[in-house]
């Protein structure tokens, strides 16, 4: 049971960090729209989505 709780807590932390990274990427894209910044936003969104999928599967 402890291993599962630790895994969920780790996922929650990773989700929080990925969400912050997404906000940073979106801010950069808003300040300086470019293909590179749009790619970074898309990657950050994909990271958050993947982590949320893992979290849902772990619940």
N, C-alpha and C. Protein backbone atom coordinates (compact mmCIF):
# COMPACT_ATOMS: atom_id res chain seq x y z
N UNK A 1 0.82 -1.19 0.00
CA UNK A 1 0.00 0.00 0.00
C UNK A 1 0.86 1.25 0.00
N UNK A 2 1.93 1.25 0.77
CA UNK A 2 2.80 2.41 0.85
C UNK A 2 3.42 2.73 -0.52
N UNK A 3 3.77 1.70 -1.26
CA UNK A 3 4.37 1.90 -2.57
C UNK A 3 3.39 2.60 -3.51
N UNK A 4 2.11 2.22 -3.45
CA UNK A 4 1.09 2.84 -4.29
C UNK A 4 0.90 4.29 -3.90
N UNK A 5 0.85 4.58 -2.62
CA UNK A 5 0.68 5.95 -2.16
C UNK A 5 1.87 6.80 -2.61
N UNK A 6 3.07 6.25 -2.48
CA UNK A 6 4.25 6.98 -2.90
C UNK A 6 4.20 7.25 -4.40
N UNK A 7 3.76 6.28 -5.17
CA UNK A 7 3.66 6.45 -6.62
C UNK A 7 2.67 7.55 -6.96
N UNK A 8 1.53 7.58 -6.29
CA UNK A 8 0.53 8.60 -6.55
C UNK A 8 1.06 9.98 -6.14
N UNK A 9 1.72 10.05 -4.99
CA UNK A 9 2.28 11.32 -4.56
C UNK A 9 3.34 11.82 -5.54
N UNK A 10 4.14 10.90 -6.07
CA UNK A 10 5.15 11.27 -7.05
C UNK A 10 4.49 11.78 -8.33
N UNK A 11 3.45 11.10 -8.77
CA UNK A 11 2.71 11.56 -9.96
C UNK A 11 2.11 12.94 -9.72
N UNK A 12 1.54 13.15 -8.54
CA UNK A 12 0.95 14.46 -8.23
C UNK A 12 2.01 15.56 -8.29
N UNK A 13 3.18 15.28 -7.77
CA UNK A 13 4.27 16.26 -7.83
C UNK A 13 4.69 16.51 -9.28
N UNK A 14 4.83 15.44 -10.05
CA UNK A 14 5.21 15.60 -11.46
C UNK A 14 4.16 16.39 -12.23
N UNK A 15 2.89 16.17 -11.92
CA UNK A 15 1.81 16.93 -12.57
C UNK A 15 1.92 18.41 -12.22
N UNK A 16 2.18 18.70 -10.97
CA UNK A 16 2.30 20.10 -10.54
C UNK A 16 3.46 20.79 -11.25
N UNK A 17 4.58 20.11 -11.34
CA UNK A 17 5.75 20.69 -12.02
C UNK A 17 5.48 20.87 -13.51
N UNK A 18 4.85 19.87 -14.12
CA UNK A 18 4.53 19.96 -15.55
C UNK A 18 3.54 21.09 -15.81
N UNK A 19 2.61 21.31 -14.89
CA UNK A 19 1.64 22.39 -15.04
C UNK A 19 2.35 23.75 -14.98
N UNK A 20 3.31 23.87 -14.09
CA UNK A 20 4.09 25.11 -14.01
C UNK A 20 4.86 25.32 -15.31
N UNK A 21 5.47 24.26 -15.83
CA UNK A 21 6.22 24.35 -17.09
C UNK A 21 5.29 24.75 -18.24
N UNK A 22 4.07 24.25 -18.22
CA UNK A 22 3.10 24.62 -19.24
C UNK A 22 2.78 26.11 -19.15
N UNK A 23 2.61 26.61 -17.94
CA UNK A 23 2.35 28.04 -17.77
C UNK A 23 3.50 28.89 -18.27
N UNK A 24 4.71 28.46 -18.01
CA UNK A 24 5.90 29.18 -18.48
C UNK A 24 5.92 29.18 -20.01
N UNK A 25 5.66 28.02 -20.61
CA UNK A 25 5.66 27.93 -22.07
C UNK A 25 4.57 28.80 -22.68
N UNK A 26 3.41 28.81 -22.06
CA UNK A 26 2.31 29.66 -22.58
C UNK A 26 2.65 31.13 -22.44
N UNK A 27 3.28 31.52 -21.35
CA UNK A 27 3.67 32.92 -21.16
C UNK A 27 4.70 33.33 -22.22
N UNK A 28 5.66 32.47 -22.47
CA UNK A 28 6.67 32.76 -23.49
C UNK A 28 6.02 32.90 -24.86
N UNK A 29 5.07 32.03 -25.15
CA UNK A 29 4.38 32.09 -26.44
C UNK A 29 3.54 33.35 -26.56
N UNK A 30 2.95 33.79 -25.46
CA UNK A 30 2.14 35.01 -25.49
C UNK A 30 3.02 36.25 -25.69
N UNK A 31 4.20 36.24 -25.06
CA UNK A 31 5.11 37.38 -25.20
C UNK A 31 5.78 37.41 -26.57
N UNK A 32 6.10 36.22 -27.07
CA UNK A 32 6.85 36.13 -28.32
C UNK A 32 6.33 34.97 -29.15
N UNK A 33 5.24 35.20 -29.88
CA UNK A 33 4.67 34.12 -30.69
C UNK A 33 5.67 33.67 -31.76
N UNK A 34 5.93 32.39 -31.78
CA UNK A 34 6.82 31.82 -32.79
C UNK A 34 6.51 30.33 -32.91
N UNK A 35 7.02 29.74 -33.97
CA UNK A 35 6.81 28.30 -34.15
C UNK A 35 7.49 27.51 -33.04
N UNK A 36 8.65 27.97 -32.62
CA UNK A 36 9.38 27.29 -31.54
C UNK A 36 8.58 27.33 -30.24
N UNK A 37 8.04 28.49 -29.90
CA UNK A 37 7.26 28.59 -28.66
C UNK A 37 5.96 27.80 -28.75
N UNK A 38 5.36 27.78 -29.92
CA UNK A 38 4.14 26.97 -30.11
C UNK A 38 4.46 25.49 -29.93
N UNK A 39 5.62 25.06 -30.42
CA UNK A 39 6.04 23.67 -30.26
C UNK A 39 6.25 23.34 -28.79
N UNK A 40 6.85 24.28 -28.06
CA UNK A 40 7.09 24.07 -26.63
C UNK A 40 5.77 23.97 -25.86
N UNK A 41 4.81 24.79 -26.23
CA UNK A 41 3.49 24.71 -25.58
C UNK A 41 2.85 23.35 -25.87
N UNK A 42 2.92 22.92 -27.11
CA UNK A 42 2.33 21.62 -27.48
C UNK A 42 3.00 20.49 -26.71
N UNK A 43 4.32 20.55 -26.59
CA UNK A 43 5.04 19.51 -25.84
C UNK A 43 4.66 19.53 -24.37
N UNK A 44 4.55 20.71 -23.80
CA UNK A 44 4.20 20.83 -22.38
C UNK A 44 2.78 20.32 -22.15
N UNK A 45 1.86 20.64 -23.07
CA UNK A 45 0.49 20.13 -22.94
C UNK A 45 0.47 18.61 -23.03
N UNK A 46 1.26 18.05 -23.94
CA UNK A 46 1.32 16.60 -24.08
C UNK A 46 1.88 15.95 -22.82
N UNK A 47 2.88 16.59 -22.21
CA UNK A 47 3.45 16.07 -20.96
C UNK A 47 2.40 16.04 -19.84
N UNK A 48 1.65 17.15 -19.71
CA UNK A 48 0.62 17.21 -18.68
C UNK A 48 -0.45 16.16 -18.96
N UNK A 49 -0.88 16.05 -20.20
CA UNK A 49 -1.90 15.06 -20.55
C UNK A 49 -1.45 13.64 -20.23
N UNK A 50 -0.20 13.32 -20.57
CA UNK A 50 0.32 11.97 -20.31
C UNK A 50 0.36 11.69 -18.80
N UNK A 51 0.79 12.67 -18.03
CA UNK A 51 0.84 12.48 -16.58
C UNK A 51 -0.55 12.34 -15.99
N UNK A 52 -1.50 13.12 -16.48
CA UNK A 52 -2.88 13.00 -15.99
C UNK A 52 -3.47 11.64 -16.34
N UNK A 53 -3.14 11.13 -17.52
CA UNK A 53 -3.59 9.78 -17.89
C UNK A 53 -3.02 8.74 -16.93
N UNK A 54 -1.72 8.87 -16.60
CA UNK A 54 -1.10 7.94 -15.67
C UNK A 54 -1.76 8.02 -14.30
N UNK A 55 -2.06 9.24 -13.87
CA UNK A 55 -2.68 9.45 -12.55
C UNK A 55 -4.06 8.83 -12.51
N UNK A 56 -4.80 8.99 -13.59
CA UNK A 56 -6.14 8.41 -13.66
C UNK A 56 -6.05 6.87 -13.62
N UNK A 57 -5.09 6.31 -14.31
CA UNK A 57 -4.93 4.86 -14.33
C UNK A 57 -4.50 4.34 -12.96
N UNK A 58 -3.76 5.15 -12.21
CA UNK A 58 -3.27 4.72 -10.90
C UNK A 58 -4.34 4.79 -9.82
N UNK A 59 -5.36 5.57 -10.05
CA UNK A 59 -6.40 5.78 -9.02
C UNK A 59 -7.29 4.58 -8.84
